[in-house]
Amino acid sequence: MKTTEIRQKLHHYIEVAEEKKLKAIFTMVEDEINDTYDLWQDESFVAELRSRERAFLEGRMNTFSLEQTVANVKRSIKRKRRS
């Protein structure tokens, strides 16, 4: 089974699992969750976000509307299906 399939099944299971089972699963992975890398503590990451925000607010960044983004995704999907 592929990782994406496992993720989907786990996500679905967590959505419908009983509270007792959720607590058991959480207990098994709690330490790992707490140790997960926190991007907001990464100074270079935060600096990059601030830089991009300034560029956007000052009009120096190319942006796309939702409609443009959806159209680009649809074109990409069509090209992928053809190949």
Protein backbone atom coordinates (compact mmCIF):
# COMPACT_ATOMS: atom_id res chain seq x y z
CA MET A 1 0.00 0.00 0.00
CA LYS A 2 1.33 3.44 -0.94
CA THR A 3 1.95 6.15 1.63
CA THR A 4 -0.82 8.32 0.22
CA GLU A 5 -3.31 5.49 0.60
CA ILE A 6 -2.21 4.91 4.18
CA ARG A 7 -2.59 8.62 4.96
CA GLN A 8 -6.09 8.67 3.46
CA LYS A 9 -7.18 5.62 5.41
CA LEU A 10 -5.74 6.98 8.66
CA HIS A 11 -7.37 10.37 8.15
CA HIS A 12 -10.72 8.71 7.54
CA TYR A 13 -10.30 6.39 10.52
CA ILE A 14 -9.44 9.28 12.84
CA GLU A 15 -12.56 11.14 11.71
CA VAL A 16 -14.84 8.27 12.78
CA ALA A 17 -12.91 6.53 15.57
CA GLU A 18 -14.25 6.26 19.09
CA GLU A 19 -12.79 8.62 21.70
CA LYS A 20 -11.04 5.79 23.55
CA LYS A 21 -9.24 4.68 20.37
CA LEU A 22 -8.30 8.26 19.48
CA LYS A 23 -6.73 8.74 22.90
CA ALA A 24 -4.79 5.48 22.53
CA ILE A 25 -3.46 6.48 19.10
CA PHE A 26 -2.54 9.94 20.36
CA THR A 27 -0.70 8.48 23.33
CA MET A 28 1.42 6.37 20.97
CA VAL A 29 2.52 9.35 18.86
CA GLU A 30 2.24 12.26 21.31
CA ASP A 31 5.98 12.64 21.92
CA GLU A 32 6.71 12.63 18.20
CA ILE A 33 3.98 15.20 17.57
CA ASN A 34 5.42 17.46 20.24
CA ASP A 35 8.94 17.06 18.81
CA THR A 36 7.82 17.92 15.27
CA TYR A 37 9.77 20.73 13.65
CA ASP A 38 8.13 24.10 14.33
CA LEU A 39 8.56 26.33 11.28
CA TRP A 40 7.56 29.41 13.26
CA GLN A 41 10.72 29.02 15.34
CA ASP A 42 12.89 28.96 12.21
CA GLU A 43 14.19 32.52 11.78
CA SER A 44 15.11 32.08 8.11
CA PHE A 45 11.65 30.69 7.29
CA VAL A 46 9.90 33.58 9.05
CA ALA A 47 12.24 36.10 7.36
CA GLU A 48 11.39 34.61 3.95
CA LEU A 49 7.66 34.85 4.68
CA ARG A 50 8.03 38.48 5.74
CA SER A 51 10.03 39.23 2.59
CA ARG A 52 7.34 37.69 0.40
CA GLU A 53 4.63 39.55 2.27
CA ARG A 54 6.43 42.88 1.70
CA ALA A 55 6.85 42.07 -2.00
CA PHE A 56 3.15 41.26 -2.27
CA LEU A 57 2.02 44.38 -0.41
CA GLU A 58 4.32 46.58 -2.49
CA GLY A 59 3.04 45.05 -5.74
CA ARG A 60 6.40 43.50 -6.66
CA MET A 61 5.08 39.94 -6.77
CA ASN A 62 3.13 38.24 -9.53
CA THR A 63 -0.09 36.80 -8.17
CA PHE A 64 -2.92 34.77 -9.65
CA SER A 65 -6.65 34.84 -9.01
CA LEU A 66 -8.46 31.70 -7.92
CA GLU A 67 -9.93 31.40 -11.41
CA GLN A 68 -6.47 31.60 -13.01
CA THR A 69 -5.11 29.03 -10.59
CA VAL A 70 -7.96 26.59 -11.25
CA ALA A 71 -7.54 27.04 -15.02
CA ASN A 72 -3.78 26.34 -14.72
CA VAL A 73 -4.44 23.21 -12.67
CA LYS A 74 -7.01 21.95 -15.18
CA ARG A 75 -4.56 22.51 -18.06
CA SER A 76 -1.85 20.64 -16.15
CA ILE A 77 -4.19 17.72 -15.48
CA LYS A 78 -5.16 17.53 -19.16
CA ARG A 79 -1.49 17.53 -20.23
CA LYS A 80 -0.67 14.84 -17.66
CA ARG A 81 -3.52 12.63 -18.85
CA ARG A 82 -2.39 12.94 -22.48
CA SER A 83 1.15 11.80 -21.70
